[in-house]
Amino acid sequence: MGVFLLVLEKYFRNLPNVHTDRLLLRKIQLTDAEDLFAYGSTEAVTRNVTWYPYENLEDAKKFITHVHAYYEAGKPAPWAIEHQETGKMIGTVGFGNVKEEHFVTEIAYAISEDFWGKGYTTEAVKEMLRIGFEELGFIRIEAQCLPENVASERVMQKVGMTYEGTLRKVAYIKGKNRDLKIYSILQEEYFLGNSRGKKV
């Protein structure tokens, strides 16, 4: 097992609490089930993601149990996005599809419709870039979205990612193969942006 993989496993097993200006990124807990169900059961939030709307509270609890199994195994699993002012869990953000032999990962995120258009997702994703490049040492971080998911694509642009192209019918999602737009940012681009005084 490589040193980088050991670093990742230790980090994800002991996922730290991280504060941004308005958010707390932390481990998801069973006590988040009602908040998770509240937004994860809506058509607006689930329209452009790979998973179907939760049908009941048990669906949310099953997801949380699944996430905790990943925490315990030291596998990449999402942070809960907690709105510091209200204490509510309003979304998730995290790394996935880690290719440790290449120092590459992907960021995924989802957030309650009630908090759209206020910069919260961008705030959370910027913090993921900081963790990914400054603490974990990734060389490349990617993100993908359906072509019609303009809001998600805008987040990728705001955090300094570069559009690389559209992968045609690359993912089987909800009964059919779908195109995905792919964006990325490299470690050197991230640090160059910061050195120029630009907050990536």
C-alpha atoms as a PDB file:
ATOM      1  CA  MET A   1       0.000   0.000   0.000  1.00  0.00           C
ATOM      2  CA  GLY A   2       1.399   3.366  -1.047  1.00  0.00           C
ATOM      3  CA  VAL A   3       2.137   6.197   1.371  1.00  0.00           C
ATOM      4  CA  PHE A   4      -0.402   8.475  -0.337  1.00  0.00           C
ATOM      5  CA  LEU A   5      -3.159   5.886   0.097  1.00  0.00           C
ATOM      6  CA  LEU A   6      -2.282   5.549   3.788  1.00  0.00           C
ATOM      7  CA  VAL A   7      -2.524   9.327   4.181  1.00  0.00           C
ATOM      8  CA  LEU A   8      -5.939   9.346   2.515  1.00  0.00           C
ATOM      9  CA  GLU A   9      -7.263   6.467   4.613  1.00  0.00           C
ATOM     10  CA  LYS A  10      -6.167   8.120   7.845  1.00  0.00           C
ATOM     11  CA  TYR A  11      -7.727  11.415   6.803  1.00  0.00           C
ATOM     12  CA  PHE A  12     -11.077   9.993   5.712  1.00  0.00           C
ATOM     13  CA  ARG A  13     -11.337   7.718   8.747  1.00  0.00           C
ATOM     14  CA  ASN A  14     -10.943  10.774  10.995  1.00  0.00           C
ATOM     15  CA  LEU A  15     -12.726  13.318   8.837  1.00  0.00           C
ATOM     16  CA  PRO A  16     -12.143  16.690  10.543  1.00  0.00           C
ATOM     17  CA  ASN A  17     -14.581  19.502  11.198  1.00  0.00           C
ATOM     18  CA  VAL A  18     -13.833  22.438   8.901  1.00  0.00           C
ATOM     19  CA  HIS A  19     -15.210  25.969   9.257  1.00  0.00           C
ATOM     20  CA  THR A  20     -15.686  28.445   6.435  1.00  0.00           C
ATOM     21  CA  ASP A  21     -17.193  31.921   6.768  1.00  0.00           C
ATOM     22  CA  ARG A  22     -20.772  30.659   6.960  1.00  0.00           C
ATOM     23  CA  LEU A  23     -20.528  26.888   7.028  1.00  0.00           C
ATOM     24  CA  LEU A  24     -19.354  23.963   9.105  1.00  0.00           C
ATOM     25  CA  LEU A  25     -18.228  20.921   7.137  1.00  0.00           C
ATOM     26  CA  ARG A  26     -18.383  17.825   9.358  1.00  0.00           C
ATOM     27  CA  LYS A  27     -19.229  14.149   9.455  1.00  0.00           C
ATOM     28  CA  ILE A  28     -22.829  13.302   8.669  1.00  0.00           C
ATOM     29  CA  GLN A  29     -24.736  12.017  11.709  1.00  0.00           C
ATOM     30  CA  LEU A  30     -27.993  10.077  12.096  1.00  0.00           C
ATOM     31  CA  THR A  31     -29.429  13.204  13.702  1.00  0.00           C
ATOM     32  CA  ASP A  32     -29.149  14.804  10.236  1.00  0.00           C
ATOM     33  CA  ALA A  33     -31.701  12.392   8.763  1.00  0.00           C
ATOM     34  CA  GLU A  34     -34.639  14.788   8.850  1.00  0.00           C
ATOM     35  CA  ASP A  35     -32.662  17.641   7.267  1.00  0.00           C
ATOM     36  CA  LEU A  36     -31.260  15.269   4.653  1.00  0.00           C
ATOM     37  CA  PHE A  37     -34.721  13.916   3.844  1.00  0.00           C
ATOM     38  CA  ALA A  38     -36.164  17.430   3.643  1.00  0.00           C
ATOM     39  CA  TYR A  39     -34.006  18.376   0.657  1.00  0.00           C
ATOM     40  CA  GLY A  40     -33.147  14.891  -0.655  1.00  0.00           C
ATOM     41  CA  SER A  41     -36.799  14.135  -1.299  1.00  0.00           C
ATOM     42  CA  THR A  42     -37.355  17.134  -3.587  1.00  0.00           C
ATOM     43  CA  GLU A  43     -37.517  16.971  -7.358  1.00  0.00           C
ATOM     44  CA  ALA A  44     -35.546  20.203  -7.693  1.00  0.00           C
ATOM     45  CA  VAL A  45     -32.458  18.846  -5.888  1.00  0.00           C
ATOM     46  CA  THR A  46     -32.533  15.342  -7.370  1.00  0.00           C
ATOM     47  CA  ARG A  47     -33.347  16.337 -10.946  1.00  0.00           C
ATOM     48  CA  ASN A  48     -29.701  16.584 -11.989  1.00  0.00           C
ATOM     49  CA  VAL A  49     -28.019  13.997  -9.740  1.00  0.00           C
ATOM     50  CA  THR A  50     -27.528  10.250 -10.064  1.00  0.00           C
ATOM     51  CA  TRP A  51     -29.803   9.285  -7.168  1.00  0.00           C
ATOM     52  CA  TYR A  52     -33.579   9.206  -6.946  1.00  0.00           C
ATOM     53  CA  PRO A  53     -35.569  11.313  -4.443  1.00  0.00           C
ATOM     54  CA  TYR A  54     -35.824   9.783  -0.981  1.00  0.00           C
ATOM     55  CA  GLU A  55     -39.268   8.308  -0.434  1.00  0.00           C
ATOM     56  CA  ASN A  56     -39.158   8.284   3.357  1.00  0.00           C
ATOM     57  CA  LEU A  57     -36.967   9.033   6.356  1.00  0.00           C
ATOM     58  CA  GLU A  58     -35.552   5.493   6.287  1.00  0.00           C
ATOM     59  CA  ASP A  59     -33.996   6.186   2.892  1.00  0.00           C
ATOM     60  CA  ALA A  60     -32.061   9.084   4.409  1.00  0.00           C
ATOM     61  CA  LYS A  61     -30.995   6.962   7.386  1.00  0.00           C
ATOM     62  CA  LYS A  62     -29.771   4.188   5.056  1.00  0.00           C
ATOM     63  CA  PHE A  63     -27.612   6.694   3.194  1.00  0.00           C
ATOM     64  CA  ILE A  64     -26.119   7.956   6.458  1.00  0.00           C
ATOM     65  CA  THR A  65     -25.377   4.385   7.593  1.00  0.00           C
ATOM     66  CA  HIS A  66     -23.684   3.738   4.245  1.00  0.00           C
ATOM     67  CA  VAL A  67     -21.573   6.881   4.629  1.00  0.00           C
ATOM     68  CA  HIS A  68     -20.497   5.860   8.138  1.00  0.00           C
ATOM     69  CA  ALA A  69     -19.292   2.505   6.811  1.00  0.00           C
ATOM     70  CA  TYR A  70     -17.055   4.460   4.450  1.00  0.00           C
ATOM     71  CA  TYR A  71     -15.766   6.662   7.276  1.00  0.00           C
ATOM     72  CA  GLU A  72     -14.848   3.577   9.297  1.00  0.00           C
ATOM     73  CA  ALA A  73     -13.071   1.997   6.326  1.00  0.00           C
ATOM     74  CA  GLY A  74     -11.093   5.147   5.564  1.00  0.00           C
ATOM     75  CA  LYS A  75     -12.774   5.559   2.186  1.00  0.00           C
ATOM     76  CA  PRO A  76     -13.748   8.901   0.647  1.00  0.00           C
ATOM     77  CA  ALA A  77     -17.170   9.939   1.934  1.00  0.00           C
ATOM     78  CA  PRO A  78     -18.967  13.278   2.036  1.00  0.00           C
ATOM     79  CA  TRP A  79     -18.978  15.969   4.657  1.00  0.00           C
ATOM     80  CA  ALA A  80     -22.308  17.344   5.812  1.00  0.00           C
ATOM     81  CA  ILE A  81     -22.664  21.025   4.978  1.00  0.00           C
ATOM     82  CA  GLU A  82     -24.074  22.684   8.090  1.00  0.00           C
ATOM     83  CA  HIS A  83     -25.386  26.231   7.956  1.00  0.00           C
ATOM     84  CA  GLN A  84     -23.727  27.785  10.983  1.00  0.00           C
ATOM     85  CA  GLU A  85     -26.439  30.372  11.625  1.00  0.00           C
ATOM     86  CA  THR A  86     -29.279  27.830  11.822  1.00  0.00           C
ATOM     87  CA  GLY A  87     -27.416  24.614  12.678  1.00  0.00           C
ATOM     88  CA  LYS A  88     -29.238  22.842   9.836  1.00  0.00           C
ATOM     89  CA  MET A  89     -27.604  20.355   7.488  1.00  0.00           C
ATOM     90  CA  ILE A  90     -28.204  21.886   4.064  1.00  0.00           C
ATOM     91  CA  GLY A  91     -26.171  19.634   1.789  1.00  0.00           C
ATOM     92  CA  THR A  92     -23.154  17.421   1.221  1.00  0.00           C
ATOM     93  CA  VAL A  93     -19.765  17.901  -0.383  1.00  0.00           C
ATOM     94  CA  GLY A  94     -16.808  15.589  -0.736  1.00  0.00           C
ATOM     95  CA  PHE A  95     -14.290  13.689  -2.781  1.00  0.00           C
ATOM     96  CA  GLY A  96     -14.980  10.577  -4.833  1.00  0.00           C
ATOM     97  CA  ASN A  97     -13.552   8.457  -7.628  1.00  0.00           C
ATOM     98  CA  VAL A  98     -10.094   8.778  -6.091  1.00  0.00           C
ATOM     99  CA  LYS A  99      -7.277   7.481  -8.288  1.00  0.00           C
ATOM    100  CA  GLU A 100      -4.557   7.411  -5.665  1.00  0.00           C
ATOM    101  CA  GLU A 101      -1.919   6.095  -8.063  1.00  0.00           C
ATOM    102  CA  HIS A 102      -2.431   9.234 -10.162  1.00  0.00           C
ATOM    103  CA  PHE A 103      -3.123  11.729  -7.310  1.00  0.00           C
ATOM    104  CA  VAL A 104      -6.482  12.549  -8.893  1.00  0.00           C
ATOM    105  CA  THR A 105      -9.945  12.919  -7.386  1.00  0.00           C
ATOM    106  CA  GLU A 106     -13.392  14.285  -8.164  1.00  0.00           C
ATOM    107  CA  ILE A 107     -15.570  16.671  -6.155  1.00  0.00           C
ATOM    108  CA  ALA A 108     -19.316  16.087  -5.849  1.00  0.00           C
ATOM    109  CA  TYR A 109     -21.903  18.212  -4.081  1.00  0.00           C
ATOM    110  CA  ALA A 110     -25.616  18.728  -3.500  1.00  0.00           C
ATOM    111  CA  ILE A 111     -27.405  21.453  -1.571  1.00  0.00           C
ATOM    112  CA  SER A 112     -30.931  22.285  -0.466  1.00  0.00           C
ATOM    113  CA  GLU A 113     -32.949  24.384  -2.899  1.00  0.00           C
ATOM    114  CA  ASP A 114     -33.655  26.809  -0.045  1.00  0.00           C
ATOM    115  CA  PHE A 115     -29.969  27.802  -0.119  1.00  0.00           C
ATOM    116  CA  TRP A 116     -29.444  28.068  -3.867  1.00  0.00           C
ATOM    117  CA  GLY A 117     -28.103  31.290  -5.336  1.00  0.00           C
ATOM    118  CA  LYS A 118     -26.380  32.456  -2.152  1.00  0.00           C
ATOM    119  CA  GLY A 119     -22.847  31.202  -2.799  1.00  0.00           C
ATOM    120  CA  TYR A 120     -22.910  28.388  -0.244  1.00  0.00           C
ATOM    121  CA  THR A 121     -21.976  25.640  -2.693  1.00  0.00           C
ATOM    122  CA  THR A 122     -19.094  27.696  -4.071  1.00  0.00           C
ATOM    123  CA  GLU A 123     -17.909  28.359  -0.510  1.00  0.00           C
ATOM    124  CA  ALA A 124     -17.927  24.647   0.307  1.00  0.00           C
ATOM    125  CA  VAL A 125     -16.224  23.599  -2.946  1.00  0.00           C
ATOM    126  CA  LYS A 126     -13.468  26.211  -2.494  1.00  0.00           C
ATOM    127  CA  GLU A 127     -12.732  24.650   0.875  1.00  0.00           C
ATOM    128  CA  MET A 128     -12.569  21.202  -0.745  1.00  0.00           C
ATOM    129  CA  LEU A 129      -9.956  22.517  -3.172  1.00  0.00           C
ATOM    130  CA  ARG A 130      -7.923  23.889  -0.287  1.00  0.00           C
ATOM    131  CA  ILE A 131      -8.061  20.550   1.533  1.00  0.00           C
ATOM    132  CA  GLY A 132      -7.415  18.549  -1.613  1.00  0.00           C
ATOM    133  CA  PHE A 133      -4.375  20.498  -2.744  1.00  0.00           C
ATOM    134  CA  GLU A 134      -2.904  21.919   0.469  1.00  0.00           C
ATOM    135  CA  GLU A 135      -3.571  19.103   2.942  1.00  0.00           C
ATOM    136  CA  LEU A 136      -3.895  15.930   0.873  1.00  0.00           C
ATOM    137  CA  GLY A 137      -1.589  16.665  -2.048  1.00  0.00           C
ATOM    138  CA  PHE A 138      -3.800  15.887  -5.017  1.00  0.00           C
ATOM    139  CA  ILE A 139      -2.407  16.964  -8.386  1.00  0.00           C
ATOM    140  CA  ARG A 140      -5.721  17.206 -10.242  1.00  0.00           C
ATOM    141  CA  ILE A 141      -9.292  17.674  -9.032  1.00  0.00           C
ATOM    142  CA  GLU A 142     -12.246  17.154 -11.371  1.00  0.00           C
ATOM    143  CA  ALA A 143     -15.981  17.799 -11.306  1.00  0.00           C
ATOM    144  CA  GLN A 144     -18.739  16.674 -13.643  1.00  0.00           C
ATOM    145  CA  CYS A 145     -22.316  17.680 -14.324  1.00  0.00           C
ATOM    146  CA  LEU A 146     -25.166  17.054 -16.726  1.00  0.00           C
ATOM    147  CA  PRO A 147     -25.141  19.623 -19.569  1.00  0.00           C
ATOM    148  CA  GLU A 148     -28.441  21.114 -18.391  1.00  0.00           C
ATOM    149  CA  ASN A 149     -27.189  21.614 -14.823  1.00  0.00           C
ATOM    150  CA  VAL A 150     -26.146  25.225 -15.376  1.00  0.00           C
ATOM    151  CA  ALA A 151     -25.960  26.074 -11.651  1.00  0.00           C
ATOM    152  CA  SER A 152     -23.511  23.252 -10.938  1.00  0.00           C
ATOM    153  CA  GLU A 153     -21.401  24.213 -13.941  1.00  0.00           C
ATOM    154  CA  ARG A 154     -21.326  27.806 -12.711  1.00  0.00           C
ATOM    155  CA  VAL A 155     -19.866  26.637  -9.385  1.00  0.00           C
ATOM    156  CA  MET A 156     -17.069  24.867 -11.251  1.00  0.00           C
ATOM    157  CA  GLN A 157     -16.302  28.042 -13.170  1.00  0.00           C
ATOM    158  CA  LYS A 158     -16.373  30.235 -10.042  1.00  0.00           C
ATOM    159  CA  VAL A 159     -13.787  28.086  -8.238  1.00  0.00           C
ATOM    160  CA  GLY A 160     -11.354  28.333 -11.148  1.00  0.00           C
ATOM    161  CA  MET A 161     -11.931  25.036 -12.927  1.00  0.00           C
ATOM    162  CA  THR A 162     -11.403  24.685 -16.669  1.00  0.00           C
ATOM    163  CA  TYR A 163     -13.943  23.101 -19.017  1.00  0.00           C
ATOM    164  CA  GLU A 164     -12.334  20.149 -20.779  1.00  0.00           C
ATOM    165  CA  GLY A 165     -15.188  18.812 -22.871  1.00  0.00           C
ATOM    166  CA  THR A 166     -18.343  16.764 -22.864  1.00  0.00           C
ATOM    167  CA  LEU A 167     -18.165  13.005 -22.414  1.00  0.00           C
ATOM    168  CA  ARG A 168     -20.899  11.610 -24.620  1.00  0.00           C
ATOM    169  CA  LYS A 169     -23.318   9.116 -23.070  1.00  0.00           C
ATOM    170  CA  VAL A 170     -20.654   8.158 -20.535  1.00  0.00           C
ATOM    171  CA  ALA A 171     -22.931   7.531 -17.537  1.00  0.00           C
ATOM    172  CA  TYR A 172     -26.063   5.408 -17.167  1.00  0.00           C
ATOM    173  CA  ILE A 173     -28.290   7.606 -15.018  1.00  0.00           C
ATOM    174  CA  LYS A 174     -31.940   6.957 -14.189  1.00  0.00           C
ATOM    175  CA  GLY A 175     -32.615   4.614 -17.058  1.00  0.00           C
ATOM    176  CA  LYS A 176     -30.523   6.043 -19.887  1.00  0.00           C
ATOM    177  CA  ASN A 177     -26.990   6.963 -20.855  1.00  0.00           C
ATOM    178  CA  ARG A 178     -26.284  10.643 -20.341  1.00  0.00           C
ATOM    179  CA  ASP A 179     -23.646  13.126 -21.447  1.00  0.00           C
ATOM    180  CA  LEU A 180     -21.473  14.717 -18.764  1.00  0.00           C
ATOM    181  CA  LYS A 181     -19.519  17.958 -18.891  1.00  0.00           C
ATOM    182  CA  ILE A 182     -16.112  17.672 -17.228  1.00  0.00           C
ATOM    183  CA  TYR A 183     -14.137  20.426 -15.536  1.00  0.00           C
ATOM    184  CA  SER A 184     -10.806  20.284 -13.712  1.00  0.00           C
ATOM    185  CA  ILE A 185      -8.229  22.328 -11.864  1.00  0.00           C
ATOM    186  CA  LEU A 186      -4.572  21.425 -11.401  1.00  0.00           C
ATOM    187  CA  GLN A 187      -2.495  21.885  -8.279  1.00  0.00           C
ATOM    188  CA  GLU A 188      -0.198  24.423  -9.953  1.00  0.00           C
ATOM    189  CA  GLU A 189      -3.169  26.450 -11.187  1.00  0.00           C
ATOM    190  CA  TYR A 190      -4.627  26.536  -7.690  1.00  0.00           C
ATOM    191  CA  PHE A 191      -1.394  27.742  -6.101  1.00  0.00           C
ATOM    192  CA  LEU A 192      -0.717  30.213  -8.923  1.00  0.00           C
ATOM    193  CA  GLY A 193      -4.151  31.731  -8.392  1.00  0.00           C
ATOM    194  CA  ASN A 194      -3.505  32.114  -4.667  1.00  0.00           C
ATOM    195  CA  SER A 195      -0.008  33.568  -5.190  1.00  0.00           C
ATOM    196  CA  ARG A 196      -1.538  36.323  -7.316  1.00  0.00           C
ATOM    197  CA  GLY A 197      -3.858  37.213  -4.489  1.00  0.00           C
ATOM    198  CA  LYS A 198      -6.822  35.569  -6.140  1.00  0.00           C
ATOM    199  CA  LYS A 199      -8.873  33.453  -3.738  1.00  0.00           C
ATOM    200  CA  VAL A 200      -9.536  30.275  -5.709  1.00  0.00           C
END
